[in-house]
Amino acid sequence: MLLCSCSNNLTKEEVRIQEYGELYFTMDCWWSSQELIAPTIFQCSETVATDLISGYVSLAVEEDLNGEEFFSICGKNIVLNTGHHIHDTLIPAMTEYVYSCIDSYERNLGDEFDWIWDNQANILQIIWRPENDMDKVLTLFIEERADSSRVLGSVYYKTGYFD
């Protein structure tokens, strides 16, 4: 008989990996330090080289003048392989050799592209639902603001079929 000294006490990282997939890449993130002036809630940027997304990529959630939140993906020379035709062609075309942004206000969950911002948990989920392939989900965890507005963002990647 073998005795196991295994513990059921999982670390936060182990829970994230179980829930959201493997750590895919990290980003430098900034919390807005001028909430009354700048409409940006947070912005994360990094040069990434993965199968799903590559190039200089910036992700942000911002507020417009009416207080409505929107998702922004910006960058330069971004290449996407999500299986979502509009994003895979439009974003690379708009960012080829120039820094450009695409904003999304649309919040109807369950269609071919979703973004979900949870400001209590500091989590942004980006979901692409290609027509003939599994869903592709990036989950960005942003560390709490400490003494500095600059923090680490950890991006996890998972495929499957999600509601």
C-alpha atoms as a PDB file:
ATOM      1  CA  MET A   1       0.000   0.000   0.000  1.00  0.00           C
ATOM      2  CA  LEU A   2       1.365   3.382  -1.013  1.00  0.00           C
ATOM      3  CA  LEU A   3       0.623   6.443   1.035  1.00  0.00           C
ATOM      4  CA  CYS A   4       0.273   9.718  -0.789  1.00  0.00           C
ATOM      5  CA  SER A   5       1.090  13.013   0.845  1.00  0.00           C
ATOM      6  CA  CYS A   6      -0.653  14.978  -1.899  1.00  0.00           C
ATOM      7  CA  SER A   7      -2.445  18.152  -0.967  1.00  0.00           C
ATOM      8  CA  ASN A   8      -5.696  19.475  -2.353  1.00  0.00           C
ATOM      9  CA  ASN A   9      -4.486  23.026  -1.696  1.00  0.00           C
ATOM     10  CA  LEU A  10      -3.880  24.307  -5.213  1.00  0.00           C
ATOM     11  CA  THR A  11      -2.007  27.539  -5.816  1.00  0.00           C
ATOM     12  CA  LYS A  12      -3.708  30.413  -7.641  1.00  0.00           C
ATOM     13  CA  GLU A  13      -1.573  29.595 -10.682  1.00  0.00           C
ATOM     14  CA  GLU A  14      -2.655  25.928 -10.679  1.00  0.00           C
ATOM     15  CA  VAL A  15      -6.309  26.974 -10.448  1.00  0.00           C
ATOM     16  CA  ARG A  16      -5.851  29.405 -13.355  1.00  0.00           C
ATOM     17  CA  ILE A  17      -4.204  26.717 -15.500  1.00  0.00           C
ATOM     18  CA  GLN A  18      -7.043  24.262 -14.776  1.00  0.00           C
ATOM     19  CA  GLU A  19      -9.680  26.874 -15.566  1.00  0.00           C
ATOM     20  CA  TYR A  20      -8.081  28.905 -18.380  1.00  0.00           C
ATOM     21  CA  GLY A  21      -5.339  26.754 -19.929  1.00  0.00           C
ATOM     22  CA  GLU A  22      -1.597  27.124 -20.024  1.00  0.00           C
ATOM     23  CA  LEU A  23       0.275  30.380 -19.500  1.00  0.00           C
ATOM     24  CA  TYR A  24       0.717  31.660 -23.068  1.00  0.00           C
ATOM     25  CA  PHE A  25       2.662  34.919 -22.609  1.00  0.00           C
ATOM     26  CA  THR A  26       2.987  37.901 -20.282  1.00  0.00           C
ATOM     27  CA  MET A  27       2.438  41.591 -20.905  1.00  0.00           C
ATOM     28  CA  ASP A  28       3.384  44.866 -19.271  1.00  0.00           C
ATOM     29  CA  CYS A  29       0.184  46.455 -17.996  1.00  0.00           C
ATOM     30  CA  TRP A  30      -0.696  49.897 -16.708  1.00  0.00           C
ATOM     31  CA  TRP A  31      -3.667  50.904 -14.624  1.00  0.00           C
ATOM     32  CA  SER A  32      -4.930  54.363 -15.438  1.00  0.00           C
ATOM     33  CA  SER A  33      -3.570  56.860 -12.959  1.00  0.00           C
ATOM     34  CA  GLN A  34      -5.792  59.666 -14.231  1.00  0.00           C
ATOM     35  CA  GLU A  35      -9.292  58.213 -14.055  1.00  0.00           C
ATOM     36  CA  LEU A  36     -10.955  61.623 -14.399  1.00  0.00           C
ATOM     37  CA  ILE A  37      -8.868  62.600 -17.430  1.00  0.00           C
ATOM     38  CA  ALA A  38      -7.922  59.439 -19.316  1.00  0.00           C
ATOM     39  CA  PRO A  39     -10.702  57.091 -20.405  1.00  0.00           C
ATOM     40  CA  THR A  40      -8.437  54.029 -20.199  1.00  0.00           C
ATOM     41  CA  ILE A  41      -9.144  51.601 -17.347  1.00  0.00           C
ATOM     42  CA  PHE A  42      -6.043  49.547 -18.179  1.00  0.00           C
ATOM     43  CA  GLN A  43      -3.705  48.905 -21.068  1.00  0.00           C
ATOM     44  CA  CYS A  44      -1.362  45.948 -21.606  1.00  0.00           C
ATOM     45  CA  SER A  45       1.293  45.826 -24.321  1.00  0.00           C
ATOM     46  CA  GLU A  46       3.954  43.402 -25.487  1.00  0.00           C
ATOM     47  CA  THR A  47       5.618  42.040 -28.592  1.00  0.00           C
ATOM     48  CA  VAL A  48       4.342  38.464 -28.808  1.00  0.00           C
ATOM     49  CA  ALA A  49       5.097  35.524 -31.066  1.00  0.00           C
ATOM     50  CA  THR A  50       2.537  32.731 -30.670  1.00  0.00           C
ATOM     51  CA  ASP A  51       0.527  30.597 -33.075  1.00  0.00           C
ATOM     52  CA  LEU A  52      -2.687  32.504 -32.275  1.00  0.00           C
ATOM     53  CA  ILE A  53      -1.411  36.075 -32.223  1.00  0.00           C
ATOM     54  CA  SER A  54       1.886  37.758 -32.998  1.00  0.00           C
ATOM     55  CA  GLY A  55       3.301  41.241 -33.456  1.00  0.00           C
ATOM     56  CA  TYR A  56       3.303  44.258 -31.176  1.00  0.00           C
ATOM     57  CA  VAL A  57      -0.050  43.879 -29.376  1.00  0.00           C
ATOM     58  CA  SER A  58      -1.837  46.232 -27.015  1.00  0.00           C
ATOM     59  CA  LEU A  59      -5.062  45.258 -25.220  1.00  0.00           C
ATOM     60  CA  ALA A  60      -7.155  47.775 -23.302  1.00  0.00           C
ATOM     61  CA  VAL A  61     -10.548  48.376 -21.786  1.00  0.00           C
ATOM     62  CA  GLU A  62     -11.621  52.003 -21.943  1.00  0.00           C
ATOM     63  CA  GLU A  63     -14.665  54.183 -21.258  1.00  0.00           C
ATOM     64  CA  ASP A  64     -16.176  56.623 -23.703  1.00  0.00           C
ATOM     65  CA  LEU A  65     -17.609  60.020 -22.740  1.00  0.00           C
ATOM     66  CA  ASN A  66     -20.930  58.368 -21.854  1.00  0.00           C
ATOM     67  CA  GLY A  67     -19.240  55.956 -19.444  1.00  0.00           C
ATOM     68  CA  GLU A  68     -19.743  52.940 -21.726  1.00  0.00           C
ATOM     69  CA  GLU A  69     -16.886  50.425 -21.639  1.00  0.00           C
ATOM     70  CA  PHE A  70     -15.293  49.172 -24.851  1.00  0.00           C
ATOM     71  CA  PHE A  71     -12.475  46.770 -25.720  1.00  0.00           C
ATOM     72  CA  SER A  72      -9.572  47.955 -27.826  1.00  0.00           C
ATOM     73  CA  ILE A  73      -6.953  45.870 -29.597  1.00  0.00           C
ATOM     74  CA  CYS A  74      -4.115  47.911 -31.025  1.00  0.00           C
ATOM     75  CA  GLY A  75      -0.684  47.230 -32.355  1.00  0.00           C
ATOM     76  CA  LYS A  76       1.696  47.045 -35.230  1.00  0.00           C
ATOM     77  CA  ASN A  77       2.174  44.116 -37.617  1.00  0.00           C
ATOM     78  CA  ILE A  78      -0.364  41.956 -35.793  1.00  0.00           C
ATOM     79  CA  VAL A  79      -1.009  38.525 -37.267  1.00  0.00           C
ATOM     80  CA  LEU A  80      -4.049  36.565 -36.051  1.00  0.00           C
ATOM     81  CA  ASN A  81      -4.868  32.897 -36.589  1.00  0.00           C
ATOM     82  CA  THR A  82      -8.194  32.697 -34.772  1.00  0.00           C
ATOM     83  CA  GLY A  83     -10.320  31.208 -37.532  1.00  0.00           C
ATOM     84  CA  HIS A  84     -12.549  34.306 -37.277  1.00  0.00           C
ATOM     85  CA  HIS A  85     -12.260  35.622 -40.840  1.00  0.00           C
ATOM     86  CA  ILE A  86     -13.016  39.293 -40.144  1.00  0.00           C
ATOM     87  CA  HIS A  87     -10.458  39.596 -37.341  1.00  0.00           C
ATOM     88  CA  ASP A  88      -7.836  37.474 -39.112  1.00  0.00           C
ATOM     89  CA  THR A  89      -7.919  39.728 -42.187  1.00  0.00           C
ATOM     90  CA  LEU A  90      -8.959  43.178 -40.897  1.00  0.00           C
ATOM     91  CA  ILE A  91      -6.586  43.521 -37.941  1.00  0.00           C
ATOM     92  CA  PRO A  92      -3.450  42.485 -39.887  1.00  0.00           C
ATOM     93  CA  ALA A  93      -4.417  44.785 -42.771  1.00  0.00           C
ATOM     94  CA  MET A  94      -4.962  47.753 -40.431  1.00  0.00           C
ATOM     95  CA  THR A  95      -1.735  47.216 -38.467  1.00  0.00           C
ATOM     96  CA  GLU A  96       0.661  46.379 -41.297  1.00  0.00           C
ATOM     97  CA  TYR A  97       3.651  48.738 -40.827  1.00  0.00           C
ATOM     98  CA  VAL A  98       1.585  51.171 -38.702  1.00  0.00           C
ATOM     99  CA  TYR A  99       0.201  51.326 -35.187  1.00  0.00           C
ATOM    100  CA  SER A 100      -3.589  51.155 -35.372  1.00  0.00           C
ATOM    101  CA  CYS A 101      -6.563  50.171 -33.205  1.00  0.00           C
ATOM    102  CA  ILE A 102      -9.892  48.421 -33.503  1.00  0.00           C
ATOM    103  CA  ASP A 103     -12.523  49.015 -30.832  1.00  0.00           C
ATOM    104  CA  SER A 104     -15.416  46.771 -29.876  1.00  0.00           C
ATOM    105  CA  TYR A 105     -18.475  47.910 -27.968  1.00  0.00           C
ATOM    106  CA  GLU A 106     -20.534  44.823 -28.798  1.00  0.00           C
ATOM    107  CA  ARG A 107     -21.353  42.890 -25.612  1.00  0.00           C
ATOM    108  CA  ASN A 108     -23.860  40.253 -26.817  1.00  0.00           C
ATOM    109  CA  LEU A 109     -22.322  37.040 -25.553  1.00  0.00           C
ATOM    110  CA  GLY A 110     -22.319  33.878 -27.627  1.00  0.00           C
ATOM    111  CA  ASP A 111     -21.627  35.190 -31.117  1.00  0.00           C
ATOM    112  CA  GLU A 112     -18.420  34.728 -33.116  1.00  0.00           C
ATOM    113  CA  PHE A 113     -16.377  37.208 -31.005  1.00  0.00           C
ATOM    114  CA  ASP A 114     -16.780  38.105 -27.351  1.00  0.00           C
ATOM    115  CA  TRP A 115     -14.867  40.082 -24.790  1.00  0.00           C
ATOM    116  CA  ILE A 116     -15.666  40.013 -21.099  1.00  0.00           C
ATOM    117  CA  TRP A 117     -14.122  42.387 -18.551  1.00  0.00           C
ATOM    118  CA  ASP A 118     -14.481  41.514 -14.854  1.00  0.00           C
ATOM    119  CA  ASN A 119     -13.271  44.572 -12.956  1.00  0.00           C
ATOM    120  CA  GLN A 120     -13.645  42.824  -9.582  1.00  0.00           C
ATOM    121  CA  ALA A 121     -11.212  40.019 -10.519  1.00  0.00           C
ATOM    122  CA  ASN A 122      -9.101  42.054 -13.010  1.00  0.00           C
ATOM    123  CA  ILE A 123      -9.751  39.500 -15.756  1.00  0.00           C
ATOM    124  CA  LEU A 124     -10.273  40.137 -19.471  1.00  0.00           C
ATOM    125  CA  GLN A 125     -11.434  37.204 -21.594  1.00  0.00           C
ATOM    126  CA  ILE A 126     -11.303  37.332 -25.383  1.00  0.00           C
ATOM    127  CA  ILE A 127     -13.208  34.564 -27.164  1.00  0.00           C
ATOM    128  CA  TRP A 128     -13.134  33.792 -30.883  1.00  0.00           C
ATOM    129  CA  ARG A 129     -15.705  31.263 -32.094  1.00  0.00           C
ATOM    130  CA  PRO A 130     -14.715  30.233 -35.631  1.00  0.00           C
ATOM    131  CA  GLU A 131     -17.480  28.609 -37.658  1.00  0.00           C
ATOM    132  CA  ASN A 132     -15.798  25.244 -38.271  1.00  0.00           C
ATOM    133  CA  ASP A 133     -13.338  25.001 -35.398  1.00  0.00           C
ATOM    134  CA  MET A 134     -13.102  25.009 -31.616  1.00  0.00           C
ATOM    135  CA  ASP A 135     -13.374  28.256 -29.685  1.00  0.00           C
ATOM    136  CA  LYS A 136     -10.109  30.030 -28.895  1.00  0.00           C
ATOM    137  CA  VAL A 137      -9.949  31.864 -25.564  1.00  0.00           C
ATOM    138  CA  LEU A 138      -7.306  34.236 -24.249  1.00  0.00           C
ATOM    139  CA  THR A 139      -7.649  35.128 -20.569  1.00  0.00           C
ATOM    140  CA  LEU A 140      -5.650  38.080 -19.263  1.00  0.00           C
ATOM    141  CA  PHE A 141      -5.098  38.371 -15.494  1.00  0.00           C
ATOM    142  CA  ILE A 142      -3.826  41.779 -14.410  1.00  0.00           C
ATOM    143  CA  GLU A 143      -2.126  42.144 -11.052  1.00  0.00           C
ATOM    144  CA  GLU A 144      -3.622  44.578  -8.549  1.00  0.00           C
ATOM    145  CA  ARG A 145      -2.311  48.099  -8.621  1.00  0.00           C
ATOM    146  CA  ALA A 146       0.352  48.517  -5.950  1.00  0.00           C
ATOM    147  CA  ASP A 147       2.703  51.458  -5.418  1.00  0.00           C
ATOM    148  CA  SER A 148       3.184  51.655  -9.175  1.00  0.00           C
ATOM    149  CA  SER A 149       0.494  51.738 -11.850  1.00  0.00           C
ATOM    150  CA  ARG A 150       2.694  49.347 -13.908  1.00  0.00           C
ATOM    151  CA  VAL A 151       1.977  45.657 -13.222  1.00  0.00           C
ATOM    152  CA  LEU A 152       2.316  42.226 -14.821  1.00  0.00           C
ATOM    153  CA  GLY A 153      -0.407  40.760 -17.009  1.00  0.00           C
ATOM    154  CA  SER A 154      -0.498  36.990 -17.501  1.00  0.00           C
ATOM    155  CA  VAL A 155      -2.263  35.636 -20.590  1.00  0.00           C
ATOM    156  CA  TYR A 156      -3.596  32.059 -20.636  1.00  0.00           C
ATOM    157  CA  TYR A 157      -4.812  30.172 -23.698  1.00  0.00           C
ATOM    158  CA  LYS A 158      -7.415  27.448 -24.017  1.00  0.00           C
ATOM    159  CA  THR A 159      -9.408  25.876 -26.843  1.00  0.00           C
ATOM    160  CA  GLY A 160     -12.734  24.077 -26.645  1.00  0.00           C
ATOM    161  CA  TYR A 161     -16.415  24.886 -26.863  1.00  0.00           C
ATOM    162  CA  PHE A 162     -17.557  27.518 -24.361  1.00  0.00           C
ATOM    163  CA  ASP A 163     -20.873  29.200 -23.583  1.00  0.00           C
END
